[in-house]
Amino acid sequence: MKQIARLSRGLIYALAALGVAAYGAAAVVTVVDVIGRRLGYPIEGVVDLVQLFVVGGAWLVMPYAFLSAAHVGVDFLIGLMPAALSVPLKICAAALSFGLVAIMLWQGYLTFETRTMFGDKSQQLGIPIAWYWYPLLIGLLISLVAIVAGLIASLKTELSHE
């Protein structure tokens, strides 16, 4: 079980690093394009590239937010509660998060199928539309793992303090 937890954390950290790298790539492409335009050498398809990098980055970093509890929360209230109240609240919040992300994954996959059915491509570079959807689907799928892993870690911490 510890090996599975370690592997899932490693995957989540790797995806987060890839997401941050995608944000960095978007910034570099934008800066190089701005400088290139001043010199008469703009980057062809900069909009397609930046959109792909930013969208990919957002979805790939999301599992890390769930694992590290970096998402929006009211920590100061939970921190004041005894474990008898905070543990059921954390379990309920994780269950709701899991359900919402599962619905998002399911609907995202259905939309992915529809959007990629005809082999659509981006306008400037002809990047397959599926490439824009892969980070979303992977991010949502691994977010489900991260929600469970984050809940387990939180409960271990909470119960060890009692």
N, C-alpha and C. Protein backbone atom coordinates (compact mmCIF):
# COMPACT_ATOMS: atom_id res chain seq x y z
N MET A 1 0.82 -1.20 0.00
CA MET A 1 0.00 0.00 0.00
C MET A 1 0.86 1.26 0.00
N LYS A 2 1.97 1.20 0.78
CA LYS A 2 2.87 2.35 0.83
C LYS A 2 3.52 2.59 -0.53
N GLN A 3 3.79 1.50 -1.25
CA GLN A 3 4.39 1.63 -2.59
C GLN A 3 3.42 2.33 -3.55
N ILE A 4 2.15 1.98 -3.47
CA ILE A 4 1.14 2.61 -4.33
C ILE A 4 1.04 4.10 -3.99
N ALA A 5 1.05 4.41 -2.70
CA ALA A 5 0.99 5.82 -2.28
C ALA A 5 2.21 6.58 -2.79
N ARG A 6 3.38 5.96 -2.68
CA ARG A 6 4.61 6.62 -3.14
C ARG A 6 4.58 6.83 -4.66
N LEU A 7 4.12 5.82 -5.39
CA LEU A 7 4.04 5.94 -6.85
C LEU A 7 3.03 7.01 -7.28
N SER A 8 1.88 7.03 -6.60
CA SER A 8 0.87 8.03 -6.95
C SER A 8 1.36 9.44 -6.65
N ARG A 9 2.04 9.61 -5.52
CA ARG A 9 2.61 10.93 -5.20
C ARG A 9 3.66 11.33 -6.23
N GLY A 10 4.50 10.37 -6.63
CA GLY A 10 5.51 10.65 -7.65
C GLY A 10 4.88 11.08 -8.96
N LEU A 11 3.81 10.40 -9.35
CA LEU A 11 3.10 10.76 -10.58
C LEU A 11 2.49 12.16 -10.47
N ILE A 12 1.89 12.45 -9.33
CA ILE A 12 1.27 13.76 -9.12
C ILE A 12 2.33 14.86 -9.15
N TYR A 13 3.47 14.63 -8.51
CA TYR A 13 4.55 15.62 -8.52
C TYR A 13 5.11 15.80 -9.94
N ALA A 14 5.26 14.69 -10.67
CA ALA A 14 5.77 14.77 -12.04
C ALA A 14 4.81 15.56 -12.94
N LEU A 15 3.51 15.31 -12.79
CA LEU A 15 2.53 16.06 -13.59
C LEU A 15 2.55 17.54 -13.22
N ALA A 16 2.70 17.83 -11.94
CA ALA A 16 2.77 19.24 -11.51
C ALA A 16 4.00 19.92 -12.10
N ALA A 17 5.13 19.22 -12.09
CA ALA A 17 6.35 19.78 -12.69
C ALA A 17 6.16 20.00 -14.19
N LEU A 18 5.51 19.06 -14.85
CA LEU A 18 5.23 19.21 -16.28
C LEU A 18 4.29 20.39 -16.52
N GLY A 19 3.30 20.56 -15.64
CA GLY A 19 2.37 21.69 -15.76
C GLY A 19 3.07 23.02 -15.58
N VAL A 20 3.96 23.10 -14.60
CA VAL A 20 4.72 24.33 -14.38
C VAL A 20 5.64 24.59 -15.57
N ALA A 21 6.24 23.52 -16.10
CA ALA A 21 7.08 23.68 -17.30
C ALA A 21 6.26 24.19 -18.49
N ALA A 22 5.01 23.74 -18.57
CA ALA A 22 4.13 24.21 -19.65
C ALA A 22 3.86 25.71 -19.50
N TYR A 23 3.63 26.16 -18.26
CA TYR A 23 3.46 27.60 -18.02
C TYR A 23 4.72 28.36 -18.43
N GLY A 24 5.88 27.81 -18.07
CA GLY A 24 7.13 28.44 -18.45
C GLY A 24 7.30 28.50 -19.96
N ALA A 25 6.92 27.42 -20.64
CA ALA A 25 7.01 27.39 -22.10
C ALA A 25 6.10 28.45 -22.72
N ALA A 26 4.90 28.61 -22.15
CA ALA A 26 3.99 29.65 -22.65
C ALA A 26 4.62 31.03 -22.51
N ALA A 27 5.26 31.27 -21.37
CA ALA A 27 5.90 32.56 -21.14
C ALA A 27 7.07 32.77 -22.11
N VAL A 28 7.89 31.74 -22.29
CA VAL A 28 9.04 31.85 -23.19
C VAL A 28 8.58 32.09 -24.63
N VAL A 29 7.59 31.34 -25.07
CA VAL A 29 7.09 31.51 -26.44
C VAL A 29 6.55 32.93 -26.63
N THR A 30 5.84 33.43 -25.63
CA THR A 30 5.28 34.79 -25.72
C THR A 30 6.39 35.83 -25.79
N VAL A 31 7.39 35.72 -24.92
CA VAL A 31 8.49 36.69 -24.91
C VAL A 31 9.28 36.63 -26.20
N VAL A 32 9.59 35.42 -26.65
CA VAL A 32 10.34 35.27 -27.91
C VAL A 32 9.54 35.83 -29.08
N ASP A 33 8.23 35.63 -29.07
CA ASP A 33 7.40 36.18 -30.14
C ASP A 33 7.41 37.70 -30.12
N VAL A 34 7.30 38.30 -28.93
CA VAL A 34 7.32 39.76 -28.82
C VAL A 34 8.64 40.31 -29.34
N ILE A 35 9.74 39.69 -28.92
CA ILE A 35 11.05 40.14 -29.40
C ILE A 35 11.19 39.87 -30.89
N GLY A 36 10.74 38.71 -31.32
CA GLY A 36 10.81 38.36 -32.74
C GLY A 36 10.02 39.31 -33.62
N ARG A 37 8.88 39.74 -33.15
CA ARG A 37 8.07 40.70 -33.93
C ARG A 37 8.81 42.02 -34.11
N ARG A 38 9.55 42.43 -33.09
CA ARG A 38 10.33 43.68 -33.18
C ARG A 38 11.45 43.55 -34.21
N LEU A 39 11.94 42.31 -34.38
CA LEU A 39 13.04 42.07 -35.32
C LEU A 39 12.56 41.57 -36.68
N GLY A 40 11.24 41.41 -36.79
CA GLY A 40 10.67 40.95 -38.06
C GLY A 40 10.59 39.44 -38.20
N TYR A 41 10.73 38.71 -37.07
CA TYR A 41 10.67 37.25 -37.09
C TYR A 41 9.69 36.73 -36.04
N PRO A 42 8.39 36.92 -36.25
CA PRO A 42 7.43 36.43 -35.26
C PRO A 42 7.36 34.90 -35.27
N ILE A 43 6.90 34.35 -34.17
CA ILE A 43 6.71 32.89 -34.10
C ILE A 43 5.38 32.55 -34.76
N GLU A 44 5.45 31.65 -35.70
CA GLU A 44 4.24 31.20 -36.40
C GLU A 44 3.39 30.36 -35.44
N GLY A 45 2.11 30.69 -35.32
CA GLY A 45 1.19 29.91 -34.50
C GLY A 45 1.34 30.12 -33.01
N VAL A 46 1.79 31.31 -32.62
CA VAL A 46 2.02 31.57 -31.19
C VAL A 46 0.75 31.39 -30.37
N VAL A 47 -0.39 31.75 -30.91
CA VAL A 47 -1.66 31.62 -30.17
C VAL A 47 -1.95 30.15 -29.89
N ASP A 48 -1.79 29.29 -30.90
CA ASP A 48 -2.04 27.86 -30.70
C ASP A 48 -1.12 27.29 -29.63
N LEU A 49 0.16 27.66 -29.68
CA LEU A 49 1.13 27.14 -28.72
C LEU A 49 0.85 27.61 -27.30
N VAL A 50 0.61 28.90 -27.16
CA VAL A 50 0.36 29.45 -25.82
C VAL A 50 -0.92 28.86 -25.23
N GLN A 51 -1.95 28.73 -26.03
CA GLN A 51 -3.19 28.12 -25.53
C GLN A 51 -2.95 26.69 -25.07
N LEU A 52 -2.22 25.92 -25.86
CA LEU A 52 -1.94 24.54 -25.50
C LEU A 52 -1.14 24.46 -24.20
N PHE A 53 -0.12 25.30 -24.07
CA PHE A 53 0.71 25.28 -22.87
C PHE A 53 -0.05 25.72 -21.63
N VAL A 54 -0.84 26.77 -21.74
CA VAL A 54 -1.56 27.29 -20.56
C VAL A 54 -2.66 26.32 -20.13
N VAL A 55 -3.43 25.83 -21.09
CA VAL A 55 -4.50 24.89 -20.74
C VAL A 55 -3.90 23.60 -20.18
N GLY A 56 -2.85 23.11 -20.83
CA GLY A 56 -2.20 21.91 -20.33
C GLY A 56 -1.65 22.10 -18.92
N GLY A 57 -1.00 23.23 -18.70
CA GLY A 57 -0.44 23.52 -17.38
C GLY A 57 -1.50 23.55 -16.30
N ALA A 58 -2.61 24.18 -16.58
CA ALA A 58 -3.67 24.29 -15.57
C ALA A 58 -4.20 22.92 -15.15
N TRP A 59 -4.46 22.05 -16.08
CA TRP A 59 -5.03 20.75 -15.75
C TRP A 59 -4.01 19.81 -15.15
N LEU A 60 -2.75 19.93 -15.53
CA LEU A 60 -1.73 19.02 -15.00
C LEU A 60 -1.32 19.38 -13.57
N VAL A 61 -1.50 20.63 -13.18
CA VAL A 61 -1.15 21.06 -11.83
C VAL A 61 -2.29 20.79 -10.84
N MET A 62 -3.49 20.63 -11.35
CA MET A 62 -4.65 20.47 -10.49
C MET A 62 -4.55 19.29 -9.50
N PRO A 63 -4.05 18.11 -9.90
CA PRO A 63 -3.95 17.03 -8.91
C PRO A 63 -3.06 17.40 -7.72
N TYR A 64 -2.00 18.15 -7.96
CA TYR A 64 -1.13 18.57 -6.87
C TYR A 64 -1.88 19.47 -5.89
N ALA A 65 -2.76 20.32 -6.41
CA ALA A 65 -3.56 21.18 -5.53
C ALA A 65 -4.45 20.34 -4.61
N PHE A 66 -5.03 19.28 -5.14
CA PHE A 66 -5.85 18.41 -4.30
C PHE A 66 -4.99 17.66 -3.28
N LEU A 67 -3.85 17.16 -3.72
CA LEU A 67 -3.00 16.39 -2.82
C LEU A 67 -2.46 17.23 -1.67
N SER A 68 -2.05 18.45 -1.98
CA SER A 68 -1.44 19.31 -0.95
C SER A 68 -2.46 20.21 -0.26
N ALA A 69 -3.74 20.04 -0.58
CA ALA A 69 -4.81 20.86 -0.01
C ALA A 69 -4.57 22.34 -0.26
N ALA A 70 -4.07 22.66 -1.47
CA ALA A 70 -3.80 24.04 -1.84
C ALA A 70 -5.02 24.71 -2.46
N HIS A 71 -6.10 23.98 -2.60
CA HIS A 71 -7.31 24.55 -3.16
C HIS A 71 -8.00 25.41 -2.10
N VAL A 72 -9.05 26.08 -2.49
CA VAL A 72 -9.74 26.99 -1.59
C VAL A 72 -10.36 26.20 -0.43
N GLY A 73 -10.13 26.68 0.76
CA GLY A 73 -10.68 26.02 1.94
C GLY A 73 -10.74 27.00 3.10
N VAL A 74 -11.38 26.57 4.17
CA VAL A 74 -11.49 27.40 5.36
C VAL A 74 -10.73 26.68 6.47
N ASP A 75 -9.40 26.72 6.35
CA ASP A 75 -8.53 25.96 7.26
C ASP A 75 -8.61 26.43 8.71
N PHE A 76 -8.75 27.72 8.92
CA PHE A 76 -8.73 28.20 10.29
C PHE A 76 -9.91 27.66 11.09
N LEU A 77 -11.04 27.42 10.46
CA LEU A 77 -12.18 26.84 11.18
C LEU A 77 -11.96 25.37 11.47
N ILE A 78 -11.46 24.65 10.47
CA ILE A 78 -11.22 23.22 10.67
C ILE A 78 -10.11 23.01 11.70
N GLY A 79 -9.12 23.89 11.71
CA GLY A 79 -8.04 23.78 12.68
C GLY A 79 -8.50 23.95 14.12
N LEU A 80 -9.58 24.67 14.32
CA LEU A 80 -10.10 24.89 15.67
C LEU A 80 -11.02 23.76 16.14
N MET A 81 -11.50 22.95 15.19
CA MET A 81 -12.45 21.90 15.54
C MET A 81 -11.74 20.68 16.13
N PRO A 82 -12.41 19.99 17.01
CA PRO A 82 -11.87 18.71 17.48
C PRO A 82 -11.99 17.67 16.36
N ALA A 83 -11.20 16.61 16.44
CA ALA A 83 -11.19 15.57 15.41
C ALA A 83 -12.57 14.96 15.20
N ALA A 84 -13.36 14.90 16.28
CA ALA A 84 -14.70 14.32 16.16
C ALA A 84 -15.57 15.08 15.17
N LEU A 85 -15.29 16.37 14.99
CA LEU A 85 -16.05 17.17 14.02
C LEU A 85 -15.29 17.34 12.69
N SER A 86 -13.99 17.54 12.78
CA SER A 86 -13.23 17.83 11.56
C SER A 86 -13.07 16.61 10.66
N VAL A 87 -12.93 15.42 11.23
CA VAL A 87 -12.75 14.22 10.41
C VAL A 87 -13.98 13.96 9.54
N PRO A 88 -15.19 13.94 10.09
CA PRO A 88 -16.35 13.74 9.21
C PRO A 88 -16.50 14.87 8.17
N LEU A 89 -16.15 16.08 8.56
CA LEU A 89 -16.23 17.20 7.62
C LEU A 89 -15.24 17.02 6.46
N LYS A 90 -14.02 16.58 6.78
CA LYS A 90 -13.02 16.34 5.74
C LYS A 90 -13.44 15.19 4.82
N ILE A 91 -14.01 14.16 5.40
CA ILE A 91 -14.48 13.03 4.60
C ILE A 91 -15.61 13.47 3.67
N CYS A 92 -16.52 14.27 4.18
CA CYS A 92 -17.64 14.78 3.37
C CYS A 92 -17.12 15.67 2.23
N ALA A 93 -16.19 16.56 2.55
CA ALA A 93 -15.63 17.45 1.53
C ALA A 93 -14.89 16.65 0.46
N ALA A 94 -14.15 15.63 0.87
CA ALA A 94 -13.43 14.79 -0.10
C ALA A 94 -14.42 14.02 -0.98
N ALA A 95 -15.48 13.52 -0.38
CA ALA A 95 -16.49 12.77 -1.15
C ALA A 95 -17.16 13.68 -2.17
N LEU A 96 -17.50 14.90 -1.76
CA LEU A 96 -18.10 15.85 -2.69
C LEU A 96 -17.13 16.23 -3.80
N SER A 97 -15.87 16.46 -3.44
CA SER A 97 -14.85 16.79 -4.44
C SER A 97 -14.68 15.64 -5.42
N PHE A 98 -14.60 14.42 -4.88
CA PHE A 98 -14.43 13.24 -5.72
C PHE A 98 -15.61 13.12 -6.70
N GLY A 99 -16.83 13.28 -6.18
CA GLY A 99 -18.01 13.19 -7.05
C GLY A 99 -18.01 14.24 -8.13
N LEU A 100 -17.68 15.48 -7.78
CA LEU A 100 -17.67 16.56 -8.76
C LEU A 100 -16.60 16.32 -9.83
N VAL A 101 -15.41 15.94 -9.41
CA VAL A 101 -14.33 15.70 -10.37
C VAL A 101 -14.66 14.49 -11.25
N ALA A 102 -15.29 13.46 -10.67
CA ALA A 102 -15.70 12.30 -11.47
C ALA A 102 -16.71 12.70 -12.54
N ILE A 103 -17.65 13.55 -12.19
CA ILE A 103 -18.64 14.04 -13.17
C ILE A 103 -17.93 14.88 -14.24
N MET A 104 -16.99 15.71 -13.82
CA MET A 104 -16.24 16.52 -14.78
C MET A 104 -15.45 15.62 -15.75
N LEU A 105 -14.86 14.56 -15.22
CA LEU A 105 -14.10 13.62 -16.07
C LEU A 105 -15.02 12.94 -17.06
N TRP A 106 -16.14 12.47 -16.57
CA TRP A 106 -17.10 11.78 -17.44
C TRP A 106 -17.60 12.73 -18.55
N GLN A 107 -18.05 13.92 -18.18
CA GLN A 107 -18.53 14.87 -19.17
C GLN A 107 -17.40 15.36 -20.08
N GLY A 108 -16.21 15.52 -19.51
CA GLY A 108 -15.06 15.91 -20.31
C GLY A 108 -14.73 14.86 -21.35
N TYR A 109 -14.81 13.58 -20.96
CA TYR A 109 -14.54 12.52 -21.92
C TYR A 109 -15.59 12.50 -23.03
N LEU A 110 -16.86 12.67 -22.66
CA LEU A 110 -17.91 12.71 -23.68
C LEU A 110 -17.68 13.87 -24.66
N THR A 111 -17.31 15.02 -24.14
CA THR A 111 -17.04 16.18 -24.99
C THR A 111 -15.79 15.93 -25.83
N PHE A 112 -14.77 15.32 -25.24
CA PHE A 112 -13.55 14.96 -25.97
C PHE A 112 -13.90 14.08 -27.17
N GLU A 113 -14.73 13.08 -26.96
CA GLU A 113 -15.13 12.20 -28.06
C GLU A 113 -15.82 12.99 -29.18
N THR A 114 -16.71 13.88 -28.80
CA THR A 114 -17.43 14.68 -29.79
C THR A 114 -16.49 15.62 -30.54
N ARG A 115 -15.61 16.30 -29.81
CA ARG A 115 -14.71 17.29 -30.41
C ARG A 115 -13.66 16.65 -31.31
N THR A 116 -13.28 15.41 -31.01
CA THR A 116 -12.22 14.77 -31.79
C THR A 116 -12.75 13.81 -32.85
N MET A 117 -14.05 13.63 -32.91
CA MET A 117 -14.67 12.69 -33.83
C MET A 117 -14.29 12.98 -35.29
N PHE A 118 -14.20 14.24 -35.63
CA PHE A 118 -13.95 14.61 -37.02
C PHE A 118 -12.50 15.00 -37.29
N GLY A 119 -11.64 14.79 -36.30
CA GLY A 119 -10.23 15.09 -36.50
C GLY A 119 -9.90 16.57 -36.61
N ASP A 120 -10.65 17.40 -35.87
CA ASP A 120 -10.39 18.85 -35.92
C ASP A 120 -8.97 19.17 -35.50
N LYS A 121 -8.48 20.28 -36.02
CA LYS A 121 -7.13 20.74 -35.72
C LYS A 121 -7.17 22.23 -35.40
N SER A 122 -6.13 22.71 -34.72
CA SER A 122 -6.06 24.15 -34.42
C SER A 122 -5.90 24.93 -35.72
N GLN A 123 -6.28 26.21 -35.67
CA GLN A 123 -6.35 27.00 -36.89
C GLN A 123 -4.99 27.34 -37.48
N GLN A 124 -4.02 27.69 -36.67
CA GLN A 124 -2.76 28.18 -37.21
C GLN A 124 -1.76 27.08 -37.51
N LEU A 125 -1.55 26.17 -36.58
CA LEU A 125 -0.51 25.15 -36.75
C LEU A 125 -1.05 23.77 -37.09
N GLY A 126 -2.35 23.61 -37.00
CA GLY A 126 -2.93 22.30 -37.28
C GLY A 126 -2.66 21.28 -36.20
N ILE A 127 -2.53 21.74 -34.96
CA ILE A 127 -2.34 20.82 -33.83
C ILE A 127 -3.67 20.08 -33.62
N PRO A 128 -3.64 18.75 -33.54
CA PRO A 128 -4.89 18.02 -33.31
C PRO A 128 -5.57 18.50 -32.02
N ILE A 129 -6.87 18.72 -32.10
CA ILE A 129 -7.63 19.21 -30.95
C ILE A 129 -7.52 18.25 -29.77
N ALA A 130 -7.33 16.98 -30.05
CA ALA A 130 -7.18 16.00 -28.97
C ALA A 130 -6.03 16.37 -28.04
N TRP A 131 -4.97 16.98 -28.54
CA TRP A 131 -3.83 17.35 -27.70
C TRP A 131 -4.24 18.36 -26.64
N TYR A 132 -5.23 19.17 -26.92
CA TYR A 132 -5.72 20.14 -25.94
C TYR A 132 -6.55 19.45 -24.87
N TRP A 133 -7.13 18.30 -25.20
CA TRP A 133 -7.99 17.58 -24.28
C TRP A 133 -7.24 16.57 -23.42
N TYR A 134 -6.12 16.04 -23.89
CA TYR A 134 -5.39 15.04 -23.11
C TYR A 134 -5.00 15.55 -21.72
N PRO A 135 -4.42 16.75 -21.59
CA PRO A 135 -4.09 17.22 -20.23
C PRO A 135 -5.31 17.34 -19.32
N LEU A 136 -6.44 17.75 -19.89
CA LEU A 136 -7.67 17.87 -19.10
C LEU A 136 -8.09 16.51 -18.57
N LEU A 137 -8.12 15.52 -19.43
CA LEU A 137 -8.56 14.19 -19.01
C LEU A 137 -7.56 13.55 -18.04
N ILE A 138 -6.27 13.69 -18.31
CA ILE A 138 -5.26 13.14 -17.42
C ILE A 138 -5.32 13.86 -16.06
N GLY A 139 -5.42 15.19 -16.10
CA GLY A 139 -5.48 15.96 -14.86
C GLY A 139 -6.68 15.60 -14.01
N LEU A 140 -7.82 15.42 -14.63
CA LEU A 140 -9.02 15.04 -13.87
C LEU A 140 -8.91 13.62 -13.32
N LEU A 141 -8.39 12.70 -14.12
CA LEU A 141 -8.25 11.32 -13.67
C LEU A 141 -7.30 11.23 -12.48
N ILE A 142 -6.16 11.88 -12.59
CA ILE A 142 -5.18 11.83 -11.50
C ILE A 142 -5.66 12.66 -10.31
N SER A 143 -6.52 13.64 -10.54
CA SER A 143 -7.11 14.39 -9.42
C SER A 143 -7.95 13.47 -8.53
N LEU A 144 -8.60 12.49 -9.13
CA LEU A 144 -9.37 11.53 -8.32
C LEU A 144 -8.44 10.78 -7.37
N VAL A 145 -7.29 10.36 -7.90
CA VAL A 145 -6.30 9.68 -7.06
C VAL A 145 -5.80 10.63 -5.98
N ALA A 146 -5.54 11.89 -6.36
CA ALA A 146 -5.01 12.88 -5.42
C ALA A 146 -6.00 13.20 -4.31
N ILE A 147 -7.27 13.23 -4.62
CA ILE A 147 -8.29 13.50 -3.60
C ILE A 147 -8.26 12.41 -2.53
N VAL A 148 -8.20 11.17 -2.97
CA VAL A 148 -8.15 10.05 -2.02
C VAL A 148 -6.84 10.08 -1.23
N ALA A 149 -5.72 10.27 -1.93
CA ALA A 149 -4.42 10.31 -1.25
C ALA A 149 -4.34 11.48 -0.26
N GLY A 150 -4.86 12.63 -0.66
CA GLY A 150 -4.87 13.79 0.24
C GLY A 150 -5.73 13.57 1.46
N LEU A 151 -6.87 12.92 1.27
CA LEU A 151 -7.75 12.62 2.40
C LEU A 151 -7.07 11.66 3.37
N ILE A 152 -6.44 10.62 2.83
CA ILE A 152 -5.76 9.64 3.69
C ILE A 152 -4.66 10.32 4.49
N ALA A 153 -3.86 11.15 3.83
CA ALA A 153 -2.77 11.85 4.52
C ALA A 153 -3.33 12.79 5.59
N SER A 154 -4.40 13.50 5.25
CA SER A 154 -5.01 14.43 6.20
C SER A 154 -5.58 13.69 7.41
N LEU A 155 -6.23 12.58 7.17
CA LEU A 155 -6.80 11.80 8.27
C LEU A 155 -5.70 11.21 9.15
N LYS A 156 -4.61 10.73 8.55
CA LYS A 156 -3.50 10.21 9.35
C LYS A 156 -2.95 11.30 10.26
N THR A 157 -2.76 12.49 9.70
CA THR A 157 -2.25 13.61 10.48
C THR A 157 -3.22 13.98 11.60
N GLU A 158 -4.48 14.07 11.25
CA GLU A 158 -5.52 14.47 12.21
C GLU A 158 -5.63 13.46 13.35
N LEU A 159 -5.63 12.20 13.00
CA LEU A 159 -5.82 11.16 14.03
C LEU A 159 -4.57 10.93 14.86
N SER A 160 -3.39 11.23 14.31
CA SER A 160 -2.16 11.07 15.09
C SER A 160 -2.00 12.18 16.12
N HIS A 161 -2.68 13.32 15.90
CA HIS A 161 -2.62 14.43 16.86
C HIS A 161 -3.56 14.22 18.04
N GLU A 162 -4.51 13.34 17.88
CA GLU A 162 -5.50 13.11 18.94
C GLU A 162 -4.97 12.21 20.01
